[in-house]
PDB file of N, CA and C in Angstrom:
ATOM      1  N   MET A   1       0.717  -1.081   0.057  1.00  0.00           N
ATOM      2  CA  MET A   1       0.178   0.036  -0.083  1.00  0.00           C
ATOM      3  C   MET A   1       0.728   1.232  -0.003  1.00  0.00           C
ATOM      4  N   VAL A   2       2.006   1.109   0.706  1.00  0.00           N
ATOM      5  CA  VAL A   2       2.675   2.390   0.785  1.00  0.00           C
ATOM      6  C   VAL A   2       3.097   2.648  -0.797  1.00  0.00           C
ATOM      7  N   ALA A   3       3.806   1.482  -1.154  1.00  0.00           N
ATOM      8  CA  ALA A   3       4.484   1.751  -2.840  1.00  0.00           C
ATOM      9  C   ALA A   3       3.152   2.485  -3.772  1.00  0.00           C
ATOM     10  N   TYR A   4       1.994   1.932  -3.357  1.00  0.00           N
ATOM     11  CA  TYR A   4       1.014   2.644  -4.226  1.00  0.00           C
ATOM     12  C   TYR A   4       0.666   4.179  -4.241  1.00  0.00           C
ATOM     13  N   GLY A   5       1.161   4.693  -2.732  1.00  0.00           N
ATOM     14  CA  GLY A   5       0.757   5.727  -2.433  1.00  0.00           C
ATOM     15  C   GLY A   5       2.143   6.525  -3.066  1.00  0.00           C
ATOM     16  N   VAL A   6       3.268   6.202  -3.130  1.00  0.00           N
ATOM     17  CA  VAL A   6       4.532   6.837  -3.460  1.00  0.00           C
ATOM     18  C   VAL A   6       4.663   6.835  -4.956  1.00  0.00           C
ATOM     19  N   VAL A   7       4.320   5.883  -5.675  1.00  0.00           N
ATOM     20  CA  VAL A   7       4.171   5.736  -7.041  1.00  0.00           C
ATOM     21  C   VAL A   7       3.311   7.027  -7.600  1.00  0.00           C
ATOM     22  N   ALA A   8       2.284   7.368  -6.936  1.00  0.00           N
ATOM     23  CA  ALA A   8       1.213   8.268  -7.330  1.00  0.00           C
ATOM     24  C   ALA A   8       2.067   9.689  -7.307  1.00  0.00           C
ATOM     25  N   THR A   9       2.797   9.594  -5.993  1.00  0.00           N
ATOM     26  CA  THR A   9       3.167  11.016  -6.225  1.00  0.00           C
ATOM     27  C   THR A   9       4.375  11.269  -7.069  1.00  0.00           C
ATOM     28  N   LEU A  10       4.885  10.212  -7.796  1.00  0.00           N
ATOM     29  CA  LEU A  10       6.020  10.727  -8.873  1.00  0.00           C
ATOM     30  C   LEU A  10       5.584  11.130  -9.936  1.00  0.00           C
ATOM     31  N   GLN A  11       3.984  10.882 -10.121  1.00  0.00           N
ATOM     32  CA  GLN A  11       3.447  11.040 -11.740  1.00  0.00           C
ATOM     33  C   GLN A  11       3.640  12.645 -11.806  1.00  0.00           C
ATOM     34  N   THR A  12       3.627  12.932 -13.151  1.00  0.00           N
ATOM     35  CA  THR A  12       3.806  14.159 -13.494  1.00  0.00           C
ATOM     36  C   THR A  12       2.734  14.670 -14.284  1.00  0.00           C
ATOM     37  N   GLY A  13       2.275  15.908 -14.729  1.00  0.00           N
ATOM     38  CA  GLY A  13       1.314  16.382 -15.155  1.00  0.00           C
ATOM     39  C   GLY A  13      -0.041  16.644 -14.015  1.00  0.00           C
ATOM     40  N   ASN A  14      -1.250  16.506 -14.662  1.00  0.00           N
ATOM     41  CA  ASN A  14      -2.371  16.630 -14.079  1.00  0.00           C
ATOM     42  C   ASN A  14      -2.838  15.454 -13.387  1.00  0.00           C
ATOM     43  N   PHE A  15      -1.692  14.725 -12.714  1.00  0.00           N
ATOM     44  CA  PHE A  15      -2.234  13.420 -12.023  1.00  0.00           C
ATOM     45  C   PHE A  15      -3.080  13.228 -11.115  1.00  0.00           C
ATOM     46  N   GLY A  16      -2.829  14.500 -10.102  1.00  0.00           N
ATOM     47  CA  GLY A  16      -3.760  14.810  -8.857  1.00  0.00           C
ATOM     48  C   GLY A  16      -5.200  14.767  -9.123  1.00  0.00           C
ATOM     49  N   ARG A  17      -5.475  15.394 -10.584  1.00  0.00           N
ATOM     50  CA  ARG A  17      -6.758  15.471 -10.943  1.00  0.00           C
ATOM     51  C   ARG A  17      -7.240  14.439 -11.173  1.00  0.00           C
ATOM     52  N   VAL A  18      -6.628  13.704 -11.958  1.00  0.00           N
ATOM     53  CA  VAL A  18      -7.058  12.326 -12.474  1.00  0.00           C
ATOM     54  C   VAL A  18      -7.379  11.254 -11.089  1.00  0.00           C
ATOM     55  N   TYR A  19      -6.399  11.337 -10.242  1.00  0.00           N
ATOM     56  CA  TYR A  19      -6.600  10.783  -9.225  1.00  0.00           C
ATOM     57  C   TYR A  19      -7.519  10.831  -8.029  1.00  0.00           C
ATOM     58  N   ALA A  20      -8.234  12.133  -8.256  1.00  0.00           N
ATOM     59  CA  ALA A  20      -9.304  12.897  -7.448  1.00  0.00           C
ATOM     60  C   ALA A  20     -10.478  12.461  -8.296  1.00  0.00           C
ATOM     61  N   SER A  21     -10.391  11.986  -9.519  1.00  0.00           N
ATOM     62  CA  SER A  21     -11.479  11.767 -10.466  1.00  0.00           C
ATOM     63  C   SER A  21     -11.850  10.040  -9.948  1.00  0.00           C
ATOM     64  N   TYR A  22     -10.880   9.590  -9.969  1.00  0.00           N
ATOM     65  CA  TYR A  22     -10.688   7.742  -9.609  1.00  0.00           C
ATOM     66  C   TYR A  22     -11.316   7.560  -8.238  1.00  0.00           C
ATOM     67  N   GLY A  23     -10.857   8.590  -7.218  1.00  0.00           N
ATOM     68  CA  GLY A  23     -11.369   8.542  -5.957  1.00  0.00           C
ATOM     69  C   GLY A  23     -13.026   8.751  -5.750  1.00  0.00           C
ATOM     70  N   GLY A  24     -13.478   9.661  -6.456  1.00  0.00           N
ATOM     71  CA  GLY A  24     -14.530  10.026  -6.475  1.00  0.00           C
ATOM     72  C   GLY A  24     -15.659   8.998  -6.950  1.00  0.00           C
ATOM     73  N   ILE A  25     -15.598   8.378  -8.189  1.00  0.00           N
ATOM     74  CA  ILE A  25     -15.975   7.299  -8.652  1.00  0.00           C
ATOM     75  C   ILE A  25     -15.759   5.992  -7.981  1.00  0.00           C
ATOM     76  N   PHE A  26     -14.602   5.529  -7.302  1.00  0.00           N
ATOM     77  CA  PHE A  26     -14.566   4.835  -6.659  1.00  0.00           C
ATOM     78  C   PHE A  26     -15.374   4.808  -5.627  1.00  0.00           C
ATOM     79  N   ILE A  27     -15.495   5.650  -4.562  1.00  0.00           N
ATOM     80  CA  ILE A  27     -16.309   5.736  -3.454  1.00  0.00           C
ATOM     81  C   ILE A  27     -17.734   5.395  -3.781  1.00  0.00           C
ATOM     82  N   VAL A  28     -18.233   5.988  -4.961  1.00  0.00           N
ATOM     83  CA  VAL A  28     -19.631   5.718  -5.321  1.00  0.00           C
ATOM     84  C   VAL A  28     -20.228   4.357  -5.672  1.00  0.00           C
ATOM     85  N   MET A  29     -18.857   3.797  -6.573  1.00  0.00           N
ATOM     86  CA  MET A  29     -19.082   2.685  -7.220  1.00  0.00           C
ATOM     87  C   MET A  29     -18.945   1.377  -5.924  1.00  0.00           C
ATOM     88  N   VAL A  30     -18.430   1.807  -4.764  1.00  0.00           N
ATOM     89  CA  VAL A  30     -18.084   0.875  -3.802  1.00  0.00           C
ATOM     90  C   VAL A  30     -19.384   0.901  -3.008  1.00  0.00           C
ATOM     91  N   ILE A  31     -20.130   1.980  -2.660  1.00  0.00           N
ATOM     92  CA  ILE A  31     -21.438   2.164  -2.237  1.00  0.00           C
ATOM     93  C   ILE A  31     -22.646   1.193  -3.184  1.00  0.00           C
ATOM     94  N   LEU A  32     -22.419   1.474  -4.339  1.00  0.00           N
ATOM     95  CA  LEU A  32     -23.458   0.811  -5.473  1.00  0.00           C
ATOM     96  C   LEU A  32     -23.038  -0.770  -5.335  1.00  0.00           C
ATOM     97  N   ARG A  33     -21.674  -1.195  -5.350  1.00  0.00           N
ATOM     98  CA  ARG A  33     -21.498  -2.794  -5.388  1.00  0.00           C
ATOM     99  C   ARG A  33     -22.279  -3.418  -3.822  1.00  0.00           C
ATOM    100  N   GLY A  34     -21.947  -2.607  -2.777  1.00  0.00           N
ATOM    101  CA  GLY A  34     -22.289  -2.782  -1.711  1.00  0.00           C
ATOM    102  C   GLY A  34     -23.898  -3.151  -1.750  1.00  0.00           C
ATOM    103  N   TRP A  35     -24.588  -1.904  -1.846  1.00  0.00           N
ATOM    104  CA  TRP A  35     -25.983  -2.334  -2.249  1.00  0.00           C
ATOM    105  C   TRP A  35     -26.390  -3.676  -3.217  1.00  0.00           C
ATOM    106  N   LYS A  36     -25.834  -3.367  -4.470  1.00  0.00           N
ATOM    107  CA  LYS A  36     -26.634  -4.550  -5.470  1.00  0.00           C
ATOM    108  C   LYS A  36     -25.820  -5.790  -5.296  1.00  0.00           C
ATOM    109  N   ILE A  37     -24.740  -5.852  -4.665  1.00  0.00           N
ATOM    110  CA  ILE A  37     -24.020  -7.597  -4.859  1.00  0.00           C
ATOM    111  C   ILE A  37     -24.243  -7.847  -2.942  1.00  0.00           C
ATOM    112  N   ASP A  38     -23.981  -7.054  -2.146  1.00  0.00           N
ATOM    113  CA  ASP A  38     -23.706  -7.696  -0.890  1.00  0.00           C
ATOM    114  C   ASP A  38     -25.075  -7.504  -0.013  1.00  0.00           C
ATOM    115  N   GLY A  39     -25.960  -6.613  -0.549  1.00  0.00           N
ATOM    116  CA  GLY A  39     -27.381  -6.260  -0.224  1.00  0.00           C
ATOM    117  C   GLY A  39     -27.220  -5.498   0.948  1.00  0.00           C
ATOM    118  N   VAL A  40     -26.301  -4.685   1.127  1.00  0.00           N
ATOM    119  CA  VAL A  40     -26.250  -3.422   2.172  1.00  0.00           C
ATOM    120  C   VAL A  40     -26.521  -2.749   1.660  1.00  0.00           C
ATOM    121  N   VAL A  41     -27.867  -2.102   2.160  1.00  0.00           N
ATOM    122  CA  VAL A  41     -28.816  -0.585   1.722  1.00  0.00           C
ATOM    123  C   VAL A  41     -27.972   0.343   2.468  1.00  0.00           C
ATOM    124  N   PRO A  42     -27.539   1.428   1.270  1.00  0.00           N
ATOM    125  CA  PRO A  42     -26.969   2.640   1.870  1.00  0.00           C
ATOM    126  C   PRO A  42     -28.103   3.431   2.549  1.00  0.00           C
ATOM    127  N   ASP A  43     -27.473   4.067   3.628  1.00  0.00           N
ATOM    128  CA  ASP A  43     -28.454   5.005   4.553  1.00  0.00           C
ATOM    129  C   ASP A  43     -28.116   6.242   3.792  1.00  0.00           C
ATOM    130  N   TRP A  44     -28.901   7.441   4.617  1.00  0.00           N
ATOM    131  CA  TRP A  44     -28.697   8.818   3.996  1.00  0.00           C
ATOM    132  C   TRP A  44     -27.053   8.995   4.264  1.00  0.00           C
ATOM    133  N   TYR A  45     -26.248   8.813   5.272  1.00  0.00           N
ATOM    134  CA  TYR A  45     -25.139   9.111   5.362  1.00  0.00           C
ATOM    135  C   TYR A  45     -24.182   8.860   4.311  1.00  0.00           C
ATOM    136  N   ASP A  46     -24.570   7.336   3.742  1.00  0.00           N
ATOM    137  CA  ASP A  46     -23.540   6.897   2.767  1.00  0.00           C
ATOM    138  C   ASP A  46     -23.820   7.809   1.343  1.00  0.00           C
ATOM    139  N   MET A  47     -25.186   7.857   1.191  1.00  0.00           N
ATOM    140  CA  MET A  47     -25.764   8.887   0.045  1.00  0.00           C
ATOM    141  C   MET A  47     -24.834  10.596   0.312  1.00  0.00           C
ATOM    142  N   ILE A  48     -25.144  10.981   1.067  1.00  0.00           N
ATOM    143  CA  ILE A  48     -24.706  12.194   1.324  1.00  0.00           C
ATOM    144  C   ILE A  48     -22.842  12.177   1.109  1.00  0.00           C
ATOM    145  N   GLY A  49     -22.277  11.181   1.850  1.00  0.00           N
ATOM    146  CA  GLY A  49     -20.993  10.899   1.618  1.00  0.00           C
ATOM    147  C   GLY A  49     -20.771  10.785   0.374  1.00  0.00           C
ATOM    148  N   GLY A  50     -21.118  10.139  -0.449  1.00  0.00           N
ATOM    149  CA  GLY A  50     -21.148   9.871  -1.971  1.00  0.00           C
ATOM    150  C   GLY A  50     -21.182  11.154  -2.848  1.00  0.00           C
ATOM    151  N   PHE A  51     -22.284  11.692  -2.263  1.00  0.00           N
ATOM    152  CA  PHE A  51     -22.320  13.050  -3.083  1.00  0.00           C
ATOM    153  C   PHE A  51     -21.226  14.118  -2.651  1.00  0.00           C
ATOM    154  N   ILE A  52     -20.935  14.084  -1.677  1.00  0.00           N
ATOM    155  CA  ILE A  52     -19.528  15.148  -1.372  1.00  0.00           C
ATOM    156  C   ILE A  52     -18.309  14.528  -1.651  1.00  0.00           C
ATOM    157  N   ALA A  53     -18.258  13.167  -2.173  1.00  0.00           N
ATOM    158  CA  ALA A  53     -16.959  12.955  -2.889  1.00  0.00           C
ATOM    159  C   ALA A  53     -17.326  13.552  -4.374  1.00  0.00           C
ATOM    160  N   LEU A  54     -18.365  12.800  -4.897  1.00  0.00           N
ATOM    161  CA  LEU A  54     -18.294  13.580  -6.491  1.00  0.00           C
ATOM    162  C   LEU A  54     -18.392  14.880  -6.500  1.00  0.00           C
ATOM    163  N   VAL A  55     -18.626  15.919  -5.767  1.00  0.00           N
ATOM    164  CA  VAL A  55     -18.685  17.267  -5.662  1.00  0.00           C
ATOM    165  C   VAL A  55     -17.296  17.615  -5.590  1.00  0.00           C
ATOM    166  N   GLY A  56     -16.609  17.150  -4.602  1.00  0.00           N
ATOM    167  CA  GLY A  56     -15.338  17.524  -4.590  1.00  0.00           C
ATOM    168  C   GLY A  56     -14.355  16.870  -5.610  1.00  0.00           C
ATOM    169  N   MET A  57     -14.529  15.707  -6.244  1.00  0.00           N
ATOM    170  CA  MET A  57     -14.135  15.589  -7.476  1.00  0.00           C
ATOM    171  C   MET A  57     -14.625  16.335  -8.694  1.00  0.00           C
ATOM    172  N   LEU A  58     -15.593  16.973  -8.795  1.00  0.00           N
ATOM    173  CA  LEU A  58     -15.842  17.823  -9.705  1.00  0.00           C
ATOM    174  C   LEU A  58     -15.067  19.123  -9.627  1.00  0.00           C
ATOM    175  N   VAL A  59     -15.209  19.628  -8.276  1.00  0.00           N
ATOM    176  CA  VAL A  59     -14.153  20.976  -8.283  1.00  0.00           C
ATOM    177  C   VAL A  59     -12.668  20.847  -8.665  1.00  0.00           C
ATOM    178  N   ILE A  60     -12.485  19.602  -8.073  1.00  0.00           N
ATOM    179  CA  ILE A  60     -10.904  19.596  -8.356  1.00  0.00           C
ATOM    180  C   ILE A  60     -10.582  19.385  -9.869  1.00  0.00           C
ATOM    181  N   MET A  61     -11.384  18.865 -10.838  1.00  0.00           N
ATOM    182  CA  MET A  61     -11.377  18.434 -11.858  1.00  0.00           C
ATOM    183  C   MET A  61     -11.652  19.790 -12.617  1.00  0.00           C
ATOM    184  N   PHE A  62     -12.586  20.625 -12.596  1.00  0.00           N
ATOM    185  CA  PHE A  62     -13.145  21.681 -13.411  1.00  0.00           C
ATOM    186  C   PHE A  62     -13.019  22.605 -13.032  1.00  0.00           C
ATOM    187  N   ALA A  63     -12.056  23.142 -11.816  1.00  0.00           N
ATOM    188  CA  ALA A  63     -12.180  24.649 -11.339  1.00  0.00           C
ATOM    189  C   ALA A  63     -11.094  25.067 -12.269  1.00  0.00           C
ATOM    190  N   PRO A  64     -11.379  26.279 -12.396  1.00  0.00           N
ATOM    191  CA  PRO A  64     -10.476  27.108 -13.364  1.00  0.00           C
ATOM    192  C   PRO A  64      -9.031  27.046 -12.650  1.00  0.00           C
ATOM    193  N   ARG A  65      -8.039  27.163 -13.588  1.00  0.00           N
ATOM    194  CA  ARG A  65      -6.777  26.976 -12.861  1.00  0.00           C
ATOM    195  C   ARG A  65      -6.009  28.387 -13.438  1.00  0.00           C
ATOM    196  N   THR A  66      -5.108  28.788 -12.814  1.00  0.00           N
ATOM    197  CA  THR A  66      -4.141  29.931 -13.277  1.00  0.00           C
ATOM    198  C   THR A  66      -2.742  29.436 -13.262  1.00  0.00           C
ATOM    199  N   SER A  67      -1.910  30.158 -14.129  1.00  0.00           N
ATOM    200  CA  SER A  67      -0.488  29.954 -13.761  1.00  0.00           C
ATOM    201  C   SER A  67       0.092  30.395 -12.805  1.00  0.00           C
ATOM    202  N   LEU A  68       1.198  29.742 -12.236  1.00  0.00           N
ATOM    203  CA  LEU A  68       1.927  30.239 -10.958  1.00  0.00           C
ATOM    204  C   LEU A  68       3.232  30.645 -11.382  1.00  0.00           C
TER     205      LEU A  68
END
């Protein structure tokens, strides 16, 4: 797991945005998988948390950028 995190920090370009999109989608897909396959019905906190993750991903992905 440590190597996975270290490799992610060595990437160039906009990898942070790609990683954020992966994280947001991953969270929602895990909630859906638990619901459909494992039979664990998500409660409101699961839904709100998934929504917050997706909104956070959208902010990171599509926020206007300025040059430093």
